[in-house]
Amino acid sequence: MSDRLDRLVGALGLGRATLANIRQNVVFAVAVVLALVAGVLGEKVFLAGGMLAHEASVMLVIVNAIRLRAWRPRQK
């Protein structure tokens, strides 16, 4: 950013987009963990499969966060 006040609106928009992204990532990560725990307790998921699913979900969270790099303020 910079010391230009005309960019304040854009900074606030980026902050809101970041918080929305964090919420999406937390909900997704918790859902994956709950599914893996249920699978382990039901003896449907084994160590290697669980690790693969967890690592794949981490990659999806990272890709989702990378979308913020393309964020731009709306033009009027």
Protein backbone atom coordinates (compact mmCIF):
# COMPACT_ATOMS: atom_id res chain seq x y z
CA MET A 1 0.00 0.00 0.00
CA SER A 2 1.09 3.58 0.32
CA ASP A 3 0.25 6.79 2.14
CA ARG A 4 -2.44 7.69 -0.41
CA LEU A 5 -5.85 7.94 1.25
CA ASP A 6 -7.63 7.26 -2.03
CA ARG A 7 -6.44 3.65 -1.72
CA LEU A 8 -8.06 3.18 1.68
CA VAL A 9 -11.26 1.81 0.17
CA GLY A 10 -9.24 -0.74 -1.78
CA ALA A 11 -7.34 -1.75 1.35
CA LEU A 12 -10.61 -2.29 3.22
CA GLY A 13 -11.96 -4.36 0.34
CA LEU A 14 -8.83 -6.49 0.31
CA GLY A 15 -9.15 -6.97 4.06
CA ARG A 16 -12.75 -8.14 3.67
CA ALA A 17 -11.77 -10.50 0.86
CA THR A 18 -8.96 -11.88 3.02
CA LEU A 19 -11.30 -12.53 5.95
CA ALA A 20 -13.80 -14.26 3.65
CA ASN A 21 -10.98 -16.40 2.28
CA ILE A 22 -9.83 -17.32 5.79
CA ARG A 23 -13.38 -18.35 6.72
CA GLN A 24 -13.65 -20.53 3.60
CA ASN A 25 -10.32 -22.19 4.31
CA VAL A 26 -11.13 -22.87 7.98
CA VAL A 27 -14.53 -24.37 7.16
CA PHE A 28 -13.01 -26.55 4.44
CA ALA A 29 -10.12 -27.72 6.66
CA VAL A 30 -12.43 -28.57 9.57
CA ALA A 31 -14.80 -30.45 7.24
CA VAL A 32 -11.92 -32.51 5.85
CA VAL A 33 -10.64 -33.33 9.34
CA LEU A 34 -14.12 -34.35 10.51
CA ALA A 35 -14.55 -36.54 7.44
CA LEU A 36 -11.16 -38.16 8.03
CA VAL A 37 -11.91 -38.77 11.71
CA ALA A 38 -15.25 -40.34 10.80
CA GLY A 39 -13.50 -42.48 8.21
CA VAL A 40 -10.87 -43.62 10.68
CA LEU A 41 -13.44 -44.43 13.35
CA GLY A 42 -15.50 -46.31 10.77
CA GLU A 43 -12.34 -48.13 9.67
CA LYS A 44 -12.78 -46.88 6.09
CA VAL A 45 -9.72 -44.62 6.00
CA PHE A 46 -6.23 -45.91 6.65
CA LEU A 47 -3.04 -43.99 7.40
CA ALA A 48 -1.73 -43.60 3.85
CA GLY A 49 -5.12 -42.64 2.43
CA GLY A 50 -5.78 -40.22 5.26
CA MET A 51 -2.40 -38.57 4.79
CA LEU A 52 -3.00 -38.24 1.05
CA ALA A 53 -6.44 -36.72 1.59
CA HIS A 54 -5.07 -34.30 4.18
CA GLU A 55 -2.19 -33.17 1.96
CA ALA A 56 -4.58 -32.72 -0.98
CA SER A 57 -6.85 -30.57 1.19
CA VAL A 58 -3.85 -28.46 2.28
CA MET A 59 -2.99 -27.87 -1.38
CA LEU A 60 -6.59 -26.77 -2.08
CA VAL A 61 -6.46 -24.34 0.84
CA ILE A 62 -3.21 -22.88 -0.53
CA VAL A 63 -4.66 -22.55 -4.05
CA ASN A 64 -7.73 -20.85 -2.60
CA ALA A 65 -5.52 -18.37 -0.74
CA ILE A 66 -3.46 -17.66 -3.87
CA ARG A 67 -6.64 -16.32 -5.51
CA LEU A 68 -6.22 -13.19 -3.36
CA ARG A 69 -3.15 -12.21 -5.38
CA ALA A 70 -5.46 -11.50 -8.32
CA TRP A 71 -7.83 -9.36 -6.22
CA ARG A 72 -8.39 -5.84 -7.51
CA PRO A 73 -10.70 -3.13 -6.19
CA ARG A 74 -13.88 -2.62 -8.13
CA GLN A 75 -13.71 0.22 -10.64
CA LYS A 76 -16.53 2.75 -10.63
